[in-house]
Amino acid sequence: QVQLVESGGGLVQAGASLRLSCAASQRTFSKFVMGWFRQAPGKEREFVGFISWSSGWTYYGDSVKGRFTISRDNAKNTVYLQMNSLKPEDTAVYYCAADQYSRGSTNSELYGYWGQGTQVTVSS
């Protein structure tokens, strides 16, 4: 079973940058799409972006496009979420997820594996 562990969250001021990491328990990224989602208090889970491990193709949600960048490191079995120009509305628990079936999806229900989440708090 694939296990994912997020790290790198914290408390930052608006306009700051933060990089989140998602490490996999085994090498599955070559066949998987790795997604990032977030969930703020009182809100539904929101799509942030995904990366196709094999091709490197990325896609981002409108709310983060131009500010967030997803990348991967084959040797470390790790996916990164670089977050720049953070806003208070970016405050949420951020989750990484793995989808082994689709080519890439914004639908969280299509992702079968999830990390425990890491808290990102952006103060105004």
C-alpha atoms as a PDB file:
ATOM      1  CA  GLN A   1       0.000   0.000   0.000  1.00  0.00           C
ATOM      2  CA  VAL A   2       1.260   3.449  -0.920  1.00  0.00           C
ATOM      3  CA  GLN A   3       1.830   5.834   1.943  1.00  0.00           C
ATOM      4  CA  LEU A   4       2.293   9.560   1.473  1.00  0.00           C
ATOM      5  CA  VAL A   5       3.754  11.977   3.986  1.00  0.00           C
ATOM      6  CA  GLU A   6       3.495  15.745   3.652  1.00  0.00           C
ATOM      7  CA  SER A   7       5.827  18.170   5.346  1.00  0.00           C
ATOM      8  CA  GLY A   8       6.889  21.797   5.177  1.00  0.00           C
ATOM      9  CA  GLY A   9       3.801  23.550   6.446  1.00  0.00           C
ATOM     10  CA  GLY A  10       3.931  26.411   8.883  1.00  0.00           C
ATOM     11  CA  LEU A  11       2.912  29.941   9.751  1.00  0.00           C
ATOM     12  CA  VAL A  12       3.973  32.707   7.382  1.00  0.00           C
ATOM     13  CA  GLN A  13       3.011  36.259   6.573  1.00  0.00           C
ATOM     14  CA  ALA A  14       1.096  37.297   3.493  1.00  0.00           C
ATOM     15  CA  GLY A  15       3.387  37.579   0.497  1.00  0.00           C
ATOM     16  CA  ALA A  16       5.826  34.984   1.798  1.00  0.00           C
ATOM     17  CA  SER A  17       6.792  31.690   0.193  1.00  0.00           C
ATOM     18  CA  LEU A  18       6.634  28.140   1.429  1.00  0.00           C
ATOM     19  CA  ARG A  19       7.546  24.772  -0.053  1.00  0.00           C
ATOM     20  CA  LEU A  20       5.664  21.629   0.810  1.00  0.00           C
ATOM     21  CA  SER A  21       7.011  18.137   0.261  1.00  0.00           C
ATOM     22  CA  CYS A  22       5.220  14.863  -0.329  1.00  0.00           C
ATOM     23  CA  ALA A  23       7.303  11.719   0.082  1.00  0.00           C
ATOM     24  CA  ALA A  24       6.074   8.311  -1.027  1.00  0.00           C
ATOM     25  CA  SER A  25       6.789   5.055   0.763  1.00  0.00           C
ATOM     26  CA  GLN A  26       7.753   3.359  -2.463  1.00  0.00           C
ATOM     27  CA  ARG A  27       8.456   4.238  -6.054  1.00  0.00           C
ATOM     28  CA  THR A  28       5.061   4.554  -7.672  1.00  0.00           C
ATOM     29  CA  PHE A  29       5.336   7.981  -9.226  1.00  0.00           C
ATOM     30  CA  SER A  30       6.278   6.681 -12.649  1.00  0.00           C
ATOM     31  CA  LYS A  31       2.714   5.473 -13.140  1.00  0.00           C
ATOM     32  CA  PHE A  32       0.851   7.849 -10.864  1.00  0.00           C
ATOM     33  CA  VAL A  33      -0.510  11.339 -11.080  1.00  0.00           C
ATOM     34  CA  MET A  34       0.316  13.289  -7.945  1.00  0.00           C
ATOM     35  CA  GLY A  35      -2.204  15.848  -6.833  1.00  0.00           C
ATOM     36  CA  TRP A  36      -2.300  18.572  -4.226  1.00  0.00           C
ATOM     37  CA  PHE A  37      -5.508  19.532  -2.471  1.00  0.00           C
ATOM     38  CA  ARG A  38      -6.334  21.794   0.415  1.00  0.00           C
ATOM     39  CA  GLN A  39      -9.153  22.141   2.876  1.00  0.00           C
ATOM     40  CA  ALA A  40      -9.908  25.222   4.922  1.00  0.00           C
ATOM     41  CA  PRO A  41     -12.218  25.241   7.954  1.00  0.00           C
ATOM     42  CA  GLY A  42     -15.847  25.163   6.898  1.00  0.00           C
ATOM     43  CA  LYS A  43     -15.005  24.625   3.252  1.00  0.00           C
ATOM     44  CA  GLU A  44     -14.930  21.661   0.931  1.00  0.00           C
ATOM     45  CA  ARG A  45     -11.722  20.125  -0.287  1.00  0.00           C
ATOM     46  CA  GLU A  46     -10.261  22.271  -3.044  1.00  0.00           C
ATOM     47  CA  PHE A  47      -8.086  21.251  -5.955  1.00  0.00           C
ATOM     48  CA  VAL A  48      -4.687  22.930  -5.995  1.00  0.00           C
ATOM     49  CA  GLY A  49      -2.833  21.199  -8.797  1.00  0.00           C
ATOM     50  CA  PHE A  50      -1.386  17.975 -10.097  1.00  0.00           C
ATOM     51  CA  ILE A  51       1.662  16.666 -11.880  1.00  0.00           C
ATOM     52  CA  SER A  52       1.978  13.674 -14.152  1.00  0.00           C
ATOM     53  CA  TRP A  53       5.021  11.799 -12.931  1.00  0.00           C
ATOM     54  CA  SER A  54       5.902  10.331 -16.295  1.00  0.00           C
ATOM     55  CA  SER A  55       5.516  13.465 -18.411  1.00  0.00           C
ATOM     56  CA  GLY A  56       5.896  16.243 -15.880  1.00  0.00           C
ATOM     57  CA  TRP A  57       2.766  17.915 -17.164  1.00  0.00           C
ATOM     58  CA  THR A  58       1.148  20.125 -14.555  1.00  0.00           C
ATOM     59  CA  TYR A  59      -2.217  21.729 -14.122  1.00  0.00           C
ATOM     60  CA  TYR A  60      -3.353  24.203 -11.491  1.00  0.00           C
ATOM     61  CA  GLY A  61      -6.533  25.486 -10.009  1.00  0.00           C
ATOM     62  CA  ASP A  62      -7.519  29.036 -10.863  1.00  0.00           C
ATOM     63  CA  SER A  63      -6.992  30.292  -7.334  1.00  0.00           C
ATOM     64  CA  VAL A  64      -3.296  29.348  -7.307  1.00  0.00           C
ATOM     65  CA  LYS A  65      -2.327  29.561 -10.965  1.00  0.00           C
ATOM     66  CA  GLY A  66       0.733  31.728 -11.422  1.00  0.00           C
ATOM     67  CA  ARG A  67       1.681  31.530  -7.748  1.00  0.00           C
ATOM     68  CA  PHE A  68       2.126  27.816  -7.065  1.00  0.00           C
ATOM     69  CA  THR A  69       4.426  25.381  -8.847  1.00  0.00           C
ATOM     70  CA  ILE A  70       4.530  21.599  -8.602  1.00  0.00           C
ATOM     71  CA  SER A  71       7.717  19.678  -9.288  1.00  0.00           C
ATOM     72  CA  ARG A  72       9.070  16.178  -8.746  1.00  0.00           C
ATOM     73  CA  ASP A  73      12.311  14.467  -7.767  1.00  0.00           C
ATOM     74  CA  ASN A  74      12.638  10.914  -9.057  1.00  0.00           C
ATOM     75  CA  ALA A  75      15.586   9.990  -6.856  1.00  0.00           C
ATOM     76  CA  LYS A  76      13.792  11.035  -3.685  1.00  0.00           C
ATOM     77  CA  ASN A  77      10.316   9.785  -4.629  1.00  0.00           C
ATOM     78  CA  THR A  78       9.118  13.220  -3.671  1.00  0.00           C
ATOM     79  CA  VAL A  79       6.770  15.807  -5.095  1.00  0.00           C
ATOM     80  CA  TYR A  80       6.985  19.462  -4.127  1.00  0.00           C
ATOM     81  CA  LEU A  81       4.521  22.290  -3.985  1.00  0.00           C
ATOM     82  CA  GLN A  82       6.245  25.656  -4.159  1.00  0.00           C
ATOM     83  CA  MET A  83       3.897  28.359  -2.937  1.00  0.00           C
ATOM     84  CA  ASN A  84       4.700  31.998  -3.601  1.00  0.00           C
ATOM     85  CA  SER A  85       2.864  35.223  -2.886  1.00  0.00           C
ATOM     86  CA  LEU A  86       0.819  33.526  -0.222  1.00  0.00           C
ATOM     87  CA  LYS A  87      -2.482  35.055   0.763  1.00  0.00           C
ATOM     88  CA  PRO A  88      -4.571  34.623   3.909  1.00  0.00           C
ATOM     89  CA  GLU A  89      -7.118  32.717   1.839  1.00  0.00           C
ATOM     90  CA  ASP A  90      -4.435  30.099   1.172  1.00  0.00           C
ATOM     91  CA  THR A  91      -4.691  29.064   4.805  1.00  0.00           C
ATOM     92  CA  ALA A  92      -5.691  25.411   4.879  1.00  0.00           C
ATOM     93  CA  VAL A  93      -4.541  21.898   5.521  1.00  0.00           C
ATOM     94  CA  TYR A  94      -2.691  20.793   2.420  1.00  0.00           C
ATOM     95  CA  TYR A  95      -2.831  17.194   1.268  1.00  0.00           C
ATOM     96  CA  CYS A  96      -0.937  15.300  -1.363  1.00  0.00           C
ATOM     97  CA  ALA A  97      -2.659  12.455  -3.133  1.00  0.00           C
ATOM     98  CA  ALA A  98      -1.890   9.792  -5.705  1.00  0.00           C
ATOM     99  CA  ASP A  99      -4.068   8.701  -8.599  1.00  0.00           C
ATOM    100  CA  GLN A 100      -3.035   5.579 -10.485  1.00  0.00           C
ATOM    101  CA  TYR A 101      -5.911   5.455 -12.950  1.00  0.00           C
ATOM    102  CA  SER A 102      -6.553   8.802 -14.567  1.00  0.00           C
ATOM    103  CA  ARG A 103      -4.175  10.935 -16.577  1.00  0.00           C
ATOM    104  CA  GLY A 104      -4.851  13.760 -14.173  1.00  0.00           C
ATOM    105  CA  SER A 105      -7.964  14.982 -12.444  1.00  0.00           C
ATOM    106  CA  THR A 106      -9.244  17.872 -10.358  1.00  0.00           C
ATOM    107  CA  ASN A 107     -11.693  15.529  -8.658  1.00  0.00           C
ATOM    108  CA  SER A 108     -10.453  14.427  -5.252  1.00  0.00           C
ATOM    109  CA  GLU A 109     -12.628  11.325  -5.370  1.00  0.00           C
ATOM    110  CA  LEU A 110     -10.430   9.876  -8.112  1.00  0.00           C
ATOM    111  CA  TYR A 111      -7.347   9.859  -5.903  1.00  0.00           C
ATOM    112  CA  GLY A 112      -6.934   6.636  -3.980  1.00  0.00           C
ATOM    113  CA  TYR A 113      -4.028   7.485  -1.711  1.00  0.00           C
ATOM    114  CA  TRP A 114      -3.731  10.437   0.642  1.00  0.00           C
ATOM    115  CA  GLY A 115      -1.216  11.878   3.033  1.00  0.00           C
ATOM    116  CA  GLN A 116      -2.031  13.044   6.539  1.00  0.00           C
ATOM    117  CA  GLY A 117      -1.917  16.712   5.609  1.00  0.00           C
ATOM    118  CA  THR A 118       0.217  19.636   6.679  1.00  0.00           C
ATOM    119  CA  GLN A 119      -1.093  22.924   8.033  1.00  0.00           C
ATOM    120  CA  VAL A 120      -0.363  26.141   6.188  1.00  0.00           C
ATOM    121  CA  THR A 121      -1.382  29.354   7.897  1.00  0.00           C
ATOM    122  CA  VAL A 122      -0.957  32.743   6.246  1.00  0.00           C
ATOM    123  CA  SER A 123      -1.397  35.787   8.429  1.00  0.00           C
ATOM    124  CA  SER A 124      -2.482  39.161   7.102  1.00  0.00           C
END
